[in-house]
Amino acid sequence: MAESLQIDSLFSVEGKVALVTGGGSGIGNMIARSLATNGAKVYITGRRKEKLDEAVAHWGSKDRGQLIALPGDVSTKDSINQLVADFTTRESKLHILVNAAGILRPEPIKSHPDDANSLVESLLSTPWDDWSDSMSLNVSSLYFTSVAFAPYLHAAFNADPSSEAEPKESPCIINIGSIAGFHNARDAAPVSYQVSKSAVVHLTTCLATRFLPLRIRVNALAPGLFPSEMTNTDPATIRQTHKTHFKAMPEGRAGAPPDIAGPVLFLASRAGAYINGNTLDVGGGRSLLLSGSIIA
């Protein structure tokens, strides 16, 4: 019993097989590196092969797990099926699926006027494709990727099942949402993005219940502001661009790789084995103070 409570055992992902969509950059890459550094065999996938190869080449902790580039596209059912086919030429089971791929369209609305005509004109300037693309890539792709890989996650459970006599972590899916999905900051992100991330929260609970017979846990993380291609990779630029955000945040800074690595390792390991259907806010307390506010 004492051994099962030790941190090396409790948070271990040693020997697990993981796949991270959008793993070549940003939060997806932070997650992939954290899993690989702690002994997992991690496939990172994305449409840009050069970005995946660069991520593998720059990975610095090659003495434990593995980081492997697996080019693939999750924007259509056909491309997702091809990704699964490519994966199954290498592996027969999957322990951890992280759905980190997504988009944030540039906000065409630069101001939020209060007079009716100007407000409507401003809101209507959003292209229709921003909505369809956001829902497709931030929501639909998570659904179809999760379903397509479900048989391989279930195979991992069958190979090493949890039981009352020997409880252990079951295979898991971790969806990457955003605190934009449940706080309403008028100038923080486009409405299309915020609504798509709200959908990720409910999709997580829907999949968690649908996958109960398969013994696959489904949870989500809702990150706040992290350096990425979506925001900016330069901390100084992020601080200047989002200076009002930082003033309102209890932590007073953007997220760093350990801030997302910890929750991922928790959900993927024995430590999080009793967690299912939940969304964890990883925003440094920002959502406590900014909901509904206008941010300059």
C-alpha atoms as a PDB file:
ATOM      1  CA  MET A   1       0.000   0.000   0.000  1.00  0.00           C
ATOM      2  CA  ALA A   2       2.740   2.459   0.925  1.00  0.00           C
ATOM      3  CA  GLU A   3       4.475   1.954  -2.424  1.00  0.00           C
ATOM      4  CA  SER A   4       1.287   2.875  -4.321  1.00  0.00           C
ATOM      5  CA  LEU A   5       1.244   6.251  -2.538  1.00  0.00           C
ATOM      6  CA  GLN A   6       4.803   7.170  -3.489  1.00  0.00           C
ATOM      7  CA  ILE A   7       5.018   9.970  -6.024  1.00  0.00           C
ATOM      8  CA  ASP A   8       7.078   7.969  -8.536  1.00  0.00           C
ATOM      9  CA  SER A   9       4.338   5.354  -8.653  1.00  0.00           C
ATOM     10  CA  LEU A  10       1.337   7.631  -8.275  1.00  0.00           C
ATOM     11  CA  PHE A  11       2.179   9.950 -11.188  1.00  0.00           C
ATOM     12  CA  SER A  12       4.004   7.479 -13.437  1.00  0.00           C
ATOM     13  CA  VAL A  13       3.360   7.274 -17.193  1.00  0.00           C
ATOM     14  CA  GLU A  14       6.383   5.035 -17.741  1.00  0.00           C
ATOM     15  CA  GLY A  15       5.959   2.693 -20.702  1.00  0.00           C
ATOM     16  CA  LYS A  16       2.628   4.120 -21.847  1.00  0.00           C
ATOM     17  CA  VAL A  17       1.832   4.873 -25.477  1.00  0.00           C
ATOM     18  CA  ALA A  18       0.443   8.362 -26.105  1.00  0.00           C
ATOM     19  CA  LEU A  19      -0.655  10.349 -29.131  1.00  0.00           C
ATOM     20  CA  VAL A  20      -0.880  14.146 -29.068  1.00  0.00           C
ATOM     21  CA  THR A  21      -2.616  15.975 -31.911  1.00  0.00           C
ATOM     22  CA  GLY A  22      -1.155  19.403 -32.531  1.00  0.00           C
ATOM     23  CA  GLY A  23       1.964  18.132 -30.793  1.00  0.00           C
ATOM     24  CA  GLY A  24       4.452  20.021 -32.922  1.00  0.00           C
ATOM     25  CA  SER A  25       4.017  23.390 -31.241  1.00  0.00           C
ATOM     26  CA  GLY A  26       2.437  25.347 -28.409  1.00  0.00           C
ATOM     27  CA  ILE A  27       0.575  23.643 -25.593  1.00  0.00           C
ATOM     28  CA  GLY A  28       0.425  20.366 -27.527  1.00  0.00           C
ATOM     29  CA  ASN A  29       4.211  20.258 -27.676  1.00  0.00           C
ATOM     30  CA  MET A  30       4.533  21.130 -23.973  1.00  0.00           C
ATOM     31  CA  ILE A  31       2.243  18.201 -23.191  1.00  0.00           C
ATOM     32  CA  ALA A  32       4.044  15.806 -25.510  1.00  0.00           C
ATOM     33  CA  ARG A  33       7.438  16.650 -24.017  1.00  0.00           C
ATOM     34  CA  SER A  34       6.152  16.245 -20.471  1.00  0.00           C
ATOM     35  CA  LEU A  35       4.824  12.758 -21.211  1.00  0.00           C
ATOM     36  CA  ALA A  36       7.967  11.682 -23.057  1.00  0.00           C
ATOM     37  CA  THR A  37      10.281  13.093 -20.394  1.00  0.00           C
ATOM     38  CA  ASN A  38       8.482  10.896 -17.874  1.00  0.00           C
ATOM     39  CA  GLY A  39       8.903   7.681 -19.812  1.00  0.00           C
ATOM     40  CA  ALA A  40       6.009   7.536 -22.268  1.00  0.00           C
ATOM     41  CA  LYS A  41       6.300   6.717 -25.952  1.00  0.00           C
ATOM     42  CA  VAL A  42       4.673   9.765 -27.515  1.00  0.00           C
ATOM     43  CA  TYR A  43       3.527  10.214 -31.093  1.00  0.00           C
ATOM     44  CA  ILE A  44       3.052  13.846 -32.096  1.00  0.00           C
ATOM     45  CA  THR A  45       0.870  14.530 -35.076  1.00  0.00           C
ATOM     46  CA  GLY A  46       0.065  17.539 -37.214  1.00  0.00           C
ATOM     47  CA  ARG A  47      -0.132  18.620 -40.832  1.00  0.00           C
ATOM     48  CA  ARG A  48       3.315  20.277 -40.938  1.00  0.00           C
ATOM     49  CA  LYS A  49       5.933  17.532 -41.059  1.00  0.00           C
ATOM     50  CA  GLU A  50       8.769  20.041 -40.738  1.00  0.00           C
ATOM     51  CA  LYS A  51       7.287  21.337 -37.483  1.00  0.00           C
ATOM     52  CA  LEU A  52       7.039  17.808 -36.073  1.00  0.00           C
ATOM     53  CA  ASP A  53      10.609  16.990 -37.108  1.00  0.00           C
ATOM     54  CA  GLU A  54      11.831  20.226 -35.536  1.00  0.00           C
ATOM     55  CA  ALA A  55      10.053  19.372 -32.284  1.00  0.00           C
ATOM     56  CA  VAL A  56      11.661  15.934 -32.179  1.00  0.00           C
ATOM     57  CA  ALA A  57      15.089  17.366 -32.992  1.00  0.00           C
ATOM     58  CA  HIS A  58      14.860  19.937 -30.184  1.00  0.00           C
ATOM     59  CA  TRP A  59      13.541  17.570 -27.549  1.00  0.00           C
ATOM     60  CA  GLY A  60      16.180  17.474 -24.847  1.00  0.00           C
ATOM     61  CA  SER A  61      15.274  14.511 -22.595  1.00  0.00           C
ATOM     62  CA  LYS A  62      15.919  11.488 -24.754  1.00  0.00           C
ATOM     63  CA  ASP A  63      17.093   9.230 -21.949  1.00  0.00           C
ATOM     64  CA  ARG A  64      13.637   8.042 -20.857  1.00  0.00           C
ATOM     65  CA  GLY A  65      10.654   7.999 -23.211  1.00  0.00           C
ATOM     66  CA  GLN A  66      10.374   8.657 -26.924  1.00  0.00           C
ATOM     67  CA  LEU A  67       9.041  11.519 -29.044  1.00  0.00           C
ATOM     68  CA  ILE A  68       8.054  10.347 -32.525  1.00  0.00           C
ATOM     69  CA  ALA A  69       6.775  12.416 -35.457  1.00  0.00           C
ATOM     70  CA  LEU A  70       3.658  10.977 -37.106  1.00  0.00           C
ATOM     71  CA  PRO A  71       2.364  13.428 -39.735  1.00  0.00           C
ATOM     72  CA  GLY A  72      -1.403  13.490 -39.921  1.00  0.00           C
ATOM     73  CA  ASP A  73      -4.443  15.680 -40.331  1.00  0.00           C
ATOM     74  CA  VAL A  74      -7.514  15.688 -38.057  1.00  0.00           C
ATOM     75  CA  SER A  75      -9.628  18.123 -40.090  1.00  0.00           C
ATOM     76  CA  THR A  76     -11.750  15.472 -41.881  1.00  0.00           C
ATOM     77  CA  LYS A  77     -13.052  11.970 -41.184  1.00  0.00           C
ATOM     78  CA  ASP A  78     -10.994  10.547 -44.055  1.00  0.00           C
ATOM     79  CA  SER A  79      -7.764  12.122 -42.820  1.00  0.00           C
ATOM     80  CA  ILE A  80      -8.452  10.946 -39.268  1.00  0.00           C
ATOM     81  CA  ASN A  81      -8.998   7.399 -40.533  1.00  0.00           C
ATOM     82  CA  GLN A  82      -5.679   7.634 -42.384  1.00  0.00           C
ATOM     83  CA  LEU A  83      -3.943   8.782 -39.203  1.00  0.00           C
ATOM     84  CA  VAL A  84      -5.359   5.800 -37.322  1.00  0.00           C
ATOM     85  CA  ALA A  85      -4.214   3.471 -40.106  1.00  0.00           C
ATOM     86  CA  ASP A  86      -0.698   4.919 -39.947  1.00  0.00           C
ATOM     87  CA  PHE A  87      -0.664   4.593 -36.158  1.00  0.00           C
ATOM     88  CA  THR A  88      -1.714   0.942 -36.276  1.00  0.00           C
ATOM     89  CA  THR A  89       1.248   0.034 -38.442  1.00  0.00           C
ATOM     90  CA  ARG A  90       3.334   0.852 -35.355  1.00  0.00           C
ATOM     91  CA  GLU A  91       1.124   0.125 -32.315  1.00  0.00           C
ATOM     92  CA  SER A  92      -1.739  -2.156 -31.310  1.00  0.00           C
ATOM     93  CA  LYS A  93      -2.942  -0.115 -28.344  1.00  0.00           C
ATOM     94  CA  LEU A  94      -3.021   3.434 -27.033  1.00  0.00           C
ATOM     95  CA  HIS A  95      -3.040   4.527 -23.386  1.00  0.00           C
ATOM     96  CA  ILE A  96      -3.295   8.312 -23.686  1.00  0.00           C
ATOM     97  CA  LEU A  97      -4.904  10.445 -26.395  1.00  0.00           C
ATOM     98  CA  VAL A  98      -4.493  14.211 -26.110  1.00  0.00           C
ATOM     99  CA  ASN A  99      -6.668  16.271 -28.444  1.00  0.00           C
ATOM    100  CA  ALA A 100      -4.652  19.488 -28.558  1.00  0.00           C
ATOM    101  CA  ALA A 101      -5.060  20.526 -32.207  1.00  0.00           C
ATOM    102  CA  GLY A 102      -7.245  23.579 -32.725  1.00  0.00           C
ATOM    103  CA  ILE A 103      -7.493  27.066 -34.217  1.00  0.00           C
ATOM    104  CA  LEU A 104      -8.013  30.633 -33.082  1.00  0.00           C
ATOM    105  CA  ARG A 105      -9.035  32.906 -35.938  1.00  0.00           C
ATOM    106  CA  PRO A 106      -7.797  36.521 -35.737  1.00  0.00           C
ATOM    107  CA  GLU A 107     -10.417  38.765 -34.189  1.00  0.00           C
ATOM    108  CA  PRO A 108     -11.767  41.109 -36.896  1.00  0.00           C
ATOM    109  CA  ILE A 109     -13.619  43.130 -34.254  1.00  0.00           C
ATOM    110  CA  LYS A 110     -11.205  45.716 -32.898  1.00  0.00           C
ATOM    111  CA  SER A 111     -13.737  47.512 -30.737  1.00  0.00           C
ATOM    112  CA  HIS A 112     -17.067  46.848 -29.074  1.00  0.00           C
ATOM    113  CA  PRO A 113     -19.163  49.977 -29.579  1.00  0.00           C
ATOM    114  CA  ASP A 114     -22.311  50.423 -27.528  1.00  0.00           C
ATOM    115  CA  ASP A 115     -24.541  52.131 -30.088  1.00  0.00           C
ATOM    116  CA  ALA A 116     -26.785  49.648 -31.902  1.00  0.00           C
ATOM    117  CA  ASN A 117     -25.791  50.272 -35.516  1.00  0.00           C
ATOM    118  CA  SER A 118     -22.052  50.263 -34.891  1.00  0.00           C
ATOM    119  CA  LEU A 119     -22.291  47.177 -32.674  1.00  0.00           C
ATOM    120  CA  VAL A 120     -24.204  45.156 -35.265  1.00  0.00           C
ATOM    121  CA  GLU A 121     -21.853  46.258 -38.044  1.00  0.00           C
ATOM    122  CA  SER A 122     -18.872  45.262 -35.909  1.00  0.00           C
ATOM    123  CA  LEU A 123     -20.261  41.815 -35.045  1.00  0.00           C
ATOM    124  CA  LEU A 124     -21.332  41.130 -38.629  1.00  0.00           C
ATOM    125  CA  SER A 125     -17.769  41.741 -39.830  1.00  0.00           C
ATOM    126  CA  THR A 126     -16.844  38.263 -38.551  1.00  0.00           C
ATOM    127  CA  PRO A 127     -16.470  35.938 -41.578  1.00  0.00           C
ATOM    128  CA  TRP A 128     -18.871  32.975 -41.703  1.00  0.00           C
ATOM    129  CA  ASP A 129     -15.898  30.646 -42.150  1.00  0.00           C
ATOM    130  CA  ASP A 130     -14.513  31.693 -38.768  1.00  0.00           C
ATOM    131  CA  TRP A 131     -17.533  30.021 -37.173  1.00  0.00           C
ATOM    132  CA  SER A 132     -17.610  26.913 -39.355  1.00  0.00           C
ATOM    133  CA  ASP A 133     -13.825  26.409 -39.099  1.00  0.00           C
ATOM    134  CA  SER A 134     -13.801  26.940 -35.333  1.00  0.00           C
ATOM    135  CA  MET A 135     -16.564  24.412 -34.732  1.00  0.00           C
ATOM    136  CA  SER A 136     -15.080  21.943 -37.204  1.00  0.00           C
ATOM    137  CA  LEU A 137     -11.483  21.967 -35.966  1.00  0.00           C
ATOM    138  CA  ASN A 138     -12.061  22.710 -32.280  1.00  0.00           C
ATOM    139  CA  VAL A 139     -15.042  20.403 -31.740  1.00  0.00           C
ATOM    140  CA  SER A 140     -15.862  17.989 -34.558  1.00  0.00           C
ATOM    141  CA  SER A 141     -12.257  16.854 -34.980  1.00  0.00           C
ATOM    142  CA  LEU A 142     -12.037  16.070 -31.232  1.00  0.00           C
ATOM    143  CA  TYR A 143     -15.158  13.936 -31.485  1.00  0.00           C
ATOM    144  CA  PHE A 144     -14.133  11.935 -34.546  1.00  0.00           C
ATOM    145  CA  THR A 145     -10.502  11.539 -33.444  1.00  0.00           C
ATOM    146  CA  SER A 146     -11.621  10.221 -30.052  1.00  0.00           C
ATOM    147  CA  VAL A 147     -14.094   7.789 -31.574  1.00  0.00           C
ATOM    148  CA  ALA A 148     -11.625   6.567 -34.194  1.00  0.00           C
ATOM    149  CA  PHE A 149      -8.969   5.797 -31.573  1.00  0.00           C
ATOM    150  CA  ALA A 150     -11.423   4.352 -29.017  1.00  0.00           C
ATOM    151  CA  PRO A 151     -10.816   0.705 -30.038  1.00  0.00           C
ATOM    152  CA  TYR A 152      -7.083   1.102 -29.373  1.00  0.00           C
ATOM    153  CA  LEU A 153      -7.676   2.781 -26.020  1.00  0.00           C
ATOM    154  CA  HIS A 154     -10.037  -0.076 -25.139  1.00  0.00           C
ATOM    155  CA  ALA A 155      -7.365  -2.557 -26.214  1.00  0.00           C
ATOM    156  CA  ALA A 156      -4.996  -0.950 -23.707  1.00  0.00           C
ATOM    157  CA  PHE A 157      -7.555  -1.520 -20.944  1.00  0.00           C
ATOM    158  CA  ASN A 158      -8.033  -5.149 -21.948  1.00  0.00           C
ATOM    159  CA  ALA A 159      -4.275  -5.693 -21.867  1.00  0.00           C
ATOM    160  CA  ASP A 160      -3.963  -4.287 -18.330  1.00  0.00           C
ATOM    161  CA  PRO A 161      -7.425  -3.979 -16.746  1.00  0.00           C
ATOM    162  CA  SER A 162      -8.323  -2.174 -13.561  1.00  0.00           C
ATOM    163  CA  SER A 163     -10.362  -4.075 -11.000  1.00  0.00           C
ATOM    164  CA  GLU A 164     -11.640  -3.709  -7.446  1.00  0.00           C
ATOM    165  CA  ALA A 165      -8.926  -6.063  -6.280  1.00  0.00           C
ATOM    166  CA  GLU A 166      -6.245  -4.147  -8.168  1.00  0.00           C
ATOM    167  CA  PRO A 167      -7.408  -0.607  -9.016  1.00  0.00           C
ATOM    168  CA  LYS A 168      -5.270   1.265 -11.534  1.00  0.00           C
ATOM    169  CA  GLU A 169      -5.616   3.995 -14.125  1.00  0.00           C
ATOM    170  CA  SER A 170      -7.649   3.190 -17.215  1.00  0.00           C
ATOM    171  CA  PRO A 171      -6.782   4.604 -20.670  1.00  0.00           C
ATOM    172  CA  CYS A 172      -7.709   8.244 -21.042  1.00  0.00           C
ATOM    173  CA  ILE A 173      -8.533  11.030 -23.426  1.00  0.00           C
ATOM    174  CA  ILE A 174      -7.554  14.583 -22.495  1.00  0.00           C
ATOM    175  CA  ASN A 175      -9.257  17.314 -24.507  1.00  0.00           C
ATOM    176  CA  ILE A 176      -7.653  20.741 -24.588  1.00  0.00           C
ATOM    177  CA  GLY A 177     -10.282  23.422 -24.225  1.00  0.00           C
ATOM    178  CA  SER A 178      -9.758  26.945 -22.897  1.00  0.00           C
ATOM    179  CA  ILE A 179     -10.917  29.133 -20.048  1.00  0.00           C
ATOM    180  CA  ALA A 180     -12.537  31.113 -22.887  1.00  0.00           C
ATOM    181  CA  GLY A 181     -15.077  28.288 -22.866  1.00  0.00           C
ATOM    182  CA  PHE A 182     -16.592  29.360 -19.572  1.00  0.00           C
ATOM    183  CA  HIS A 183     -15.637  32.967 -18.943  1.00  0.00           C
ATOM    184  CA  ASN A 184     -16.922  35.778 -21.087  1.00  0.00           C
ATOM    185  CA  ALA A 185     -14.195  38.349 -21.714  1.00  0.00           C
ATOM    186  CA  ARG A 186     -15.475  40.589 -24.487  1.00  0.00           C
ATOM    187  CA  ASP A 187     -12.091  41.525 -25.954  1.00  0.00           C
ATOM    188  CA  ALA A 188     -10.169  38.342 -25.110  1.00  0.00           C
ATOM    189  CA  ALA A 189     -11.109  36.113 -28.063  1.00  0.00           C
ATOM    190  CA  PRO A 190     -13.620  35.912 -30.920  1.00  0.00           C
ATOM    191  CA  VAL A 191     -17.104  34.734 -30.006  1.00  0.00           C
ATOM    192  CA  SER A 192     -16.692  31.800 -32.408  1.00  0.00           C
ATOM    193  CA  TYR A 193     -13.634  30.595 -30.505  1.00  0.00           C
ATOM    194  CA  GLN A 194     -15.244  31.021 -27.105  1.00  0.00           C
ATOM    195  CA  VAL A 195     -18.367  29.111 -28.159  1.00  0.00           C
ATOM    196  CA  SER A 196     -16.311  26.286 -29.678  1.00  0.00           C
ATOM    197  CA  LYS A 197     -14.389  25.908 -26.422  1.00  0.00           C
ATOM    198  CA  SER A 198     -17.660  25.813 -24.476  1.00  0.00           C
ATOM    199  CA  ALA A 199     -18.634  22.935 -26.742  1.00  0.00           C
ATOM    200  CA  VAL A 200     -15.413  21.122 -25.822  1.00  0.00           C
ATOM    201  CA  VAL A 201     -16.477  21.149 -22.164  1.00  0.00           C
ATOM    202  CA  HIS A 202     -19.827  19.498 -22.919  1.00  0.00           C
ATOM    203  CA  LEU A 203     -18.314  17.171 -25.518  1.00  0.00           C
ATOM    204  CA  THR A 204     -15.979  15.918 -22.807  1.00  0.00           C
ATOM    205  CA  THR A 205     -18.882  14.913 -20.566  1.00  0.00           C
ATOM    206  CA  CYS A 206     -20.765  13.386 -23.504  1.00  0.00           C
ATOM    207  CA  LEU A 207     -17.798  11.220 -24.514  1.00  0.00           C
ATOM    208  CA  ALA A 208     -17.097  10.269 -20.901  1.00  0.00           C
ATOM    209  CA  THR A 209     -20.583   8.778 -20.612  1.00  0.00           C
ATOM    210  CA  ARG A 210     -20.541   7.172 -24.067  1.00  0.00           C
ATOM    211  CA  PHE A 211     -17.177   5.519 -23.388  1.00  0.00           C
ATOM    212  CA  LEU A 212     -18.072   4.077 -19.965  1.00  0.00           C
ATOM    213  CA  PRO A 213     -18.551   0.564 -21.412  1.00  0.00           C
ATOM    214  CA  LEU A 214     -15.096   0.816 -23.011  1.00  0.00           C
ATOM    215  CA  ARG A 215     -13.493   1.820 -19.707  1.00  0.00           C
ATOM    216  CA  ILE A 216     -11.981   4.944 -21.249  1.00  0.00           C
ATOM    217  CA  ARG A 217     -11.816   8.053 -19.083  1.00  0.00           C
ATOM    218  CA  VAL A 218     -12.396  11.423 -20.765  1.00  0.00           C
ATOM    219  CA  ASN A 219     -11.398  14.717 -19.158  1.00  0.00           C
ATOM    220  CA  ALA A 220     -10.460  18.172 -20.367  1.00  0.00           C
ATOM    221  CA  LEU A 221      -8.041  20.926 -19.474  1.00  0.00           C
ATOM    222  CA  ALA A 222      -9.000  24.571 -19.915  1.00  0.00           C
ATOM    223  CA  PRO A 223      -5.731  26.499 -20.213  1.00  0.00           C
ATOM    224  CA  GLY A 224      -5.488  30.236 -19.842  1.00  0.00           C
ATOM    225  CA  LEU A 225      -2.815  32.313 -21.505  1.00  0.00           C
ATOM    226  CA  PHE A 226       0.212  30.223 -22.532  1.00  0.00           C
ATOM    227  CA  PRO A 227       2.956  31.116 -25.046  1.00  0.00           C
ATOM    228  CA  SER A 228       2.010  29.508 -28.365  1.00  0.00           C
ATOM    229  CA  GLU A 229       1.554  30.223 -32.040  1.00  0.00           C
ATOM    230  CA  MET A 230      -2.039  31.229 -31.224  1.00  0.00           C
ATOM    231  CA  THR A 231      -1.001  33.933 -28.764  1.00  0.00           C
ATOM    232  CA  ASN A 232       2.671  34.752 -29.173  1.00  0.00           C
ATOM    233  CA  THR A 233       5.791  32.864 -28.227  1.00  0.00           C
ATOM    234  CA  ASP A 234       7.665  35.835 -26.777  1.00  0.00           C
ATOM    235  CA  PRO A 235       6.854  36.379 -23.073  1.00  0.00           C
ATOM    236  CA  ALA A 236       7.645  40.105 -23.209  1.00  0.00           C
ATOM    237  CA  THR A 237       5.290  40.608 -26.162  1.00  0.00           C
ATOM    238  CA  ILE A 238       2.574  38.605 -24.437  1.00  0.00           C
ATOM    239  CA  ARG A 239       2.908  40.730 -21.326  1.00  0.00           C
ATOM    240  CA  GLN A 240       2.638  43.969 -23.311  1.00  0.00           C
ATOM    241  CA  THR A 241      -0.265  42.767 -25.473  1.00  0.00           C
ATOM    242  CA  HIS A 242      -2.209  41.374 -22.527  1.00  0.00           C
ATOM    243  CA  LYS A 243      -1.087  43.810 -19.822  1.00  0.00           C
ATOM    244  CA  THR A 244      -4.609  44.285 -18.456  1.00  0.00           C
ATOM    245  CA  HIS A 245      -5.007  40.512 -18.207  1.00  0.00           C
ATOM    246  CA  PHE A 246      -1.849  40.213 -16.146  1.00  0.00           C
ATOM    247  CA  LYS A 247      -2.972  42.933 -13.760  1.00  0.00           C
ATOM    248  CA  ALA A 248      -6.186  41.015 -13.093  1.00  0.00           C
ATOM    249  CA  MET A 249      -4.581  37.587 -12.724  1.00  0.00           C
ATOM    250  CA  PRO A 250      -3.627  36.359  -9.243  1.00  0.00           C
ATOM    251  CA  GLU A 251      -0.498  34.691 -10.663  1.00  0.00           C
ATOM    252  CA  GLY A 252       0.432  37.759 -12.698  1.00  0.00           C
ATOM    253  CA  ARG A 253       2.090  35.804 -15.493  1.00  0.00           C
ATOM    254  CA  ALA A 254       1.465  33.565 -18.492  1.00  0.00           C
ATOM    255  CA  GLY A 255       1.520  29.805 -18.108  1.00  0.00           C
ATOM    256  CA  ALA A 256       4.806  27.891 -18.338  1.00  0.00           C
ATOM    257  CA  PRO A 257       5.393  24.276 -19.477  1.00  0.00           C
ATOM    258  CA  PRO A 258       5.291  22.810 -15.925  1.00  0.00           C
ATOM    259  CA  ASP A 259       1.899  24.457 -15.404  1.00  0.00           C
ATOM    260  CA  ILE A 260       0.320  22.284 -18.108  1.00  0.00           C
ATOM    261  CA  ALA A 261       2.584  19.250 -17.560  1.00  0.00           C
ATOM    262  CA  GLY A 262       1.402  18.735 -13.978  1.00  0.00           C
ATOM    263  CA  PRO A 263      -2.332  18.464 -14.765  1.00  0.00           C
ATOM    264  CA  VAL A 264      -1.637  16.183 -17.750  1.00  0.00           C
ATOM    265  CA  LEU A 265       0.501  13.808 -15.696  1.00  0.00           C
ATOM    266  CA  PHE A 266      -2.183  13.832 -12.991  1.00  0.00           C
ATOM    267  CA  LEU A 267      -5.023  12.916 -15.365  1.00  0.00           C
ATOM    268  CA  ALA A 268      -2.992  10.323 -17.288  1.00  0.00           C
ATOM    269  CA  SER A 269      -1.574   8.482 -14.272  1.00  0.00           C
ATOM    270  CA  ARG A 270      -2.775   6.508 -11.253  1.00  0.00           C
ATOM    271  CA  ALA A 271      -3.179   9.839  -9.448  1.00  0.00           C
ATOM    272  CA  GLY A 272      -6.136  10.716 -11.679  1.00  0.00           C
ATOM    273  CA  ALA A 273      -7.632   7.249 -12.057  1.00  0.00           C
ATOM    274  CA  TYR A 274     -10.834   8.248 -10.249  1.00  0.00           C
ATOM    275  CA  ILE A 275     -11.380  11.391 -12.344  1.00  0.00           C
ATOM    276  CA  ASN A 276     -13.782  11.164 -15.284  1.00  0.00           C
ATOM    277  CA  GLY A 277     -15.890  13.687 -17.200  1.00  0.00           C
ATOM    278  CA  ASN A 278     -14.270  16.753 -15.634  1.00  0.00           C
ATOM    279  CA  THR A 279     -12.791  19.977 -16.968  1.00  0.00           C
ATOM    280  CA  LEU A 280      -9.914  21.481 -14.994  1.00  0.00           C
ATOM    281  CA  ASP A 281      -9.272  25.236 -15.128  1.00  0.00           C
ATOM    282  CA  VAL A 282      -5.544  25.842 -15.748  1.00  0.00           C
ATOM    283  CA  GLY A 283      -5.672  29.604 -16.089  1.00  0.00           C
ATOM    284  CA  GLY A 284      -3.821  30.953 -13.072  1.00  0.00           C
ATOM    285  CA  GLY A 285      -7.043  32.243 -11.535  1.00  0.00           C
ATOM    286  CA  ARG A 286      -7.883  34.517 -14.448  1.00  0.00           C
ATOM    287  CA  SER A 287     -11.432  33.210 -14.839  1.00  0.00           C
ATOM    288  CA  LEU A 288     -12.183  34.217 -11.239  1.00  0.00           C
ATOM    289  CA  LEU A 289     -11.857  37.906 -12.074  1.00  0.00           C
ATOM    290  CA  LEU A 290     -12.513  38.501 -15.761  1.00  0.00           C
ATOM    291  CA  SER A 291     -15.872  36.916 -16.558  1.00  0.00           C
ATOM    292  CA  GLY A 292     -17.995  39.386 -18.501  1.00  0.00           C
ATOM    293  CA  SER A 293     -15.437  42.164 -18.288  1.00  0.00           C
ATOM    294  CA  ILE A 294     -14.235  44.417 -21.065  1.00  0.00           C
ATOM    295  CA  ILE A 295     -10.476  44.088 -21.403  1.00  0.00           C
ATOM    296  CA  ALA A 296      -8.513  46.924 -22.953  1.00  0.00           C
END
